Amino acid sequence: MFPYRLAVLYRLVLILVIGYACTSLLTVNLSITLQYWLQKADAVYLAAIIAILFYLTFFIIGFCIPSLKKLSTYSVVFGLFLFAIYQAIG
C-alpha cells in the first residue's frame, strides 16, 4: 500500500513541477515566436491561452501513461526540447 501511495505522489509531483516548467517554457517560446505575426499584447494572450490548454493536456496525459519510467523520460525529454528551443530563439 505504501509504495503505491509513493508512486502516486511521485506522479503528481512530476506532473505538477515538470508540467509547470514545460508550460512556462512553452509560453515564452510562443510569445517570442508569435510577436512576428501579431501585436505584442495579442501574442502574449494567445501564448497564455495555449499554455493553459497545454498544461491541462499534460496533466491528463500524465495520469494516462501507466509506466512511471516512461512518464519521467517523456517529461524530461520534452522539457529539455523546449529549453533547447528557448536557447535557440531567446
Protein backbone atom coordinates (compact mmCIF):
# COMPACT_ATOMS: atom_id res chain seq x y z
CA MET A 1 0.00 0.00 0.00
CA PHE A 2 2.78 2.42 0.87
CA PRO A 3 4.76 2.04 -2.42
CA TYR A 4 1.55 2.65 -4.37
CA ARG A 5 0.98 5.90 -2.49
CA LEU A 6 4.58 6.94 -3.14
CA ALA A 7 4.14 6.19 -6.84
CA VAL A 8 1.01 8.33 -6.99
CA LEU A 9 2.75 11.12 -5.07
CA TYR A 10 5.77 10.93 -7.39
CA ARG A 11 3.49 11.03 -10.43
CA LEU A 12 1.60 14.04 -9.07
CA VAL A 13 4.75 15.98 -8.16
CA LEU A 14 6.34 15.14 -11.51
CA ILE A 15 3.28 16.30 -13.41
CA LEU A 16 2.93 19.49 -11.40
CA VAL A 17 6.60 20.52 -11.38
CA ILE A 18 7.74 19.39 -14.84
CA GLY A 19 4.38 20.39 -16.31
CA TYR A 20 4.73 23.88 -14.86
CA ALA A 21 8.28 24.19 -16.17
CA CYS A 22 7.26 22.98 -19.65
CA THR A 23 4.28 25.32 -19.64
CA SER A 24 6.39 28.34 -18.74
CA LEU A 25 8.94 27.48 -21.43
CA LEU A 26 6.16 26.96 -23.96
CA THR A 27 4.64 30.32 -23.05
CA VAL A 28 7.94 32.14 -23.50
CA ASN A 29 8.68 30.36 -26.78
CA LEU A 30 5.23 31.05 -28.17
CA SER A 31 5.20 34.69 -27.11
CA ILE A 32 8.58 35.29 -28.75
CA THR A 33 7.55 33.45 -31.91
CA LEU A 34 4.07 34.95 -32.22
CA GLN A 35 5.40 38.52 -31.94
CA TYR A 36 6.49 38.26 -35.56
CA TRP A 37 2.89 37.86 -36.76
CA LEU A 38 0.78 39.52 -34.06
CA GLN A 39 0.99 42.57 -31.87
CA LYS A 40 2.84 42.06 -28.61
CA ALA A 41 -0.24 42.00 -26.36
CA ASP A 42 -2.11 39.63 -28.65
CA ALA A 43 0.89 37.31 -28.83
CA VAL A 44 1.12 37.15 -25.04
CA TYR A 45 -2.62 36.49 -24.64
CA LEU A 46 -2.62 33.77 -27.27
CA ALA A 47 0.50 32.18 -25.78
CA ALA A 48 -1.12 32.16 -22.33
CA ILE A 49 -4.31 30.54 -23.61
CA ILE A 50 -2.37 27.87 -25.49
CA ALA A 51 -0.20 27.28 -22.41
CA ILE A 52 -3.24 26.75 -20.19
CA LEU A 53 -4.61 24.19 -22.64
CA PHE A 54 -1.18 22.55 -22.82
CA TYR A 55 -0.95 22.29 -19.01
CA LEU A 56 -4.39 20.73 -18.83
CA THR A 57 -3.45 18.23 -21.55
CA PHE A 58 -0.12 17.49 -19.86
CA PHE A 59 -1.90 16.83 -16.56
CA ILE A 60 -4.45 14.46 -18.11
CA ILE A 61 -1.90 12.58 -20.22
CA GLY A 62 0.37 12.30 -17.18
CA PHE A 63 -2.19 10.11 -15.49
CA CYS A 64 -2.90 8.11 -18.66
CA ILE A 65 0.67 6.84 -19.07
CA PRO A 66 0.91 3.73 -16.87
CA SER A 67 4.71 3.49 -16.58
CA LEU A 68 6.47 5.94 -14.29
CA LYS A 69 9.74 5.38 -16.11
CA LYS A 70 8.21 6.33 -19.47
CA LEU A 71 6.40 9.29 -17.95
CA SER A 72 9.60 10.58 -16.36
CA THR A 73 11.58 10.09 -19.57
CA TYR A 74 8.99 11.73 -21.83
CA SER A 75 8.53 14.66 -19.47
CA VAL A 76 12.23 15.40 -19.06
CA VAL A 77 12.96 14.98 -22.78
CA PHE A 78 10.09 17.29 -23.71
CA GLY A 79 11.26 19.83 -21.13
CA LEU A 80 14.80 19.71 -22.50
CA PHE A 81 13.43 20.10 -26.02
CA LEU A 82 11.51 23.23 -25.03
CA PHE A 83 14.58 24.56 -23.22
CA ALA A 84 16.73 23.98 -26.32
CA ILE A 85 14.20 25.90 -28.42
CA TYR A 86 14.24 28.70 -25.83
CA GLN A 87 18.04 28.87 -26.00
CA ALA A 88 17.92 28.92 -29.80
CA ILE A 89 15.34 31.72 -30.18
CA GLY A 90 15.76 33.57 -26.87
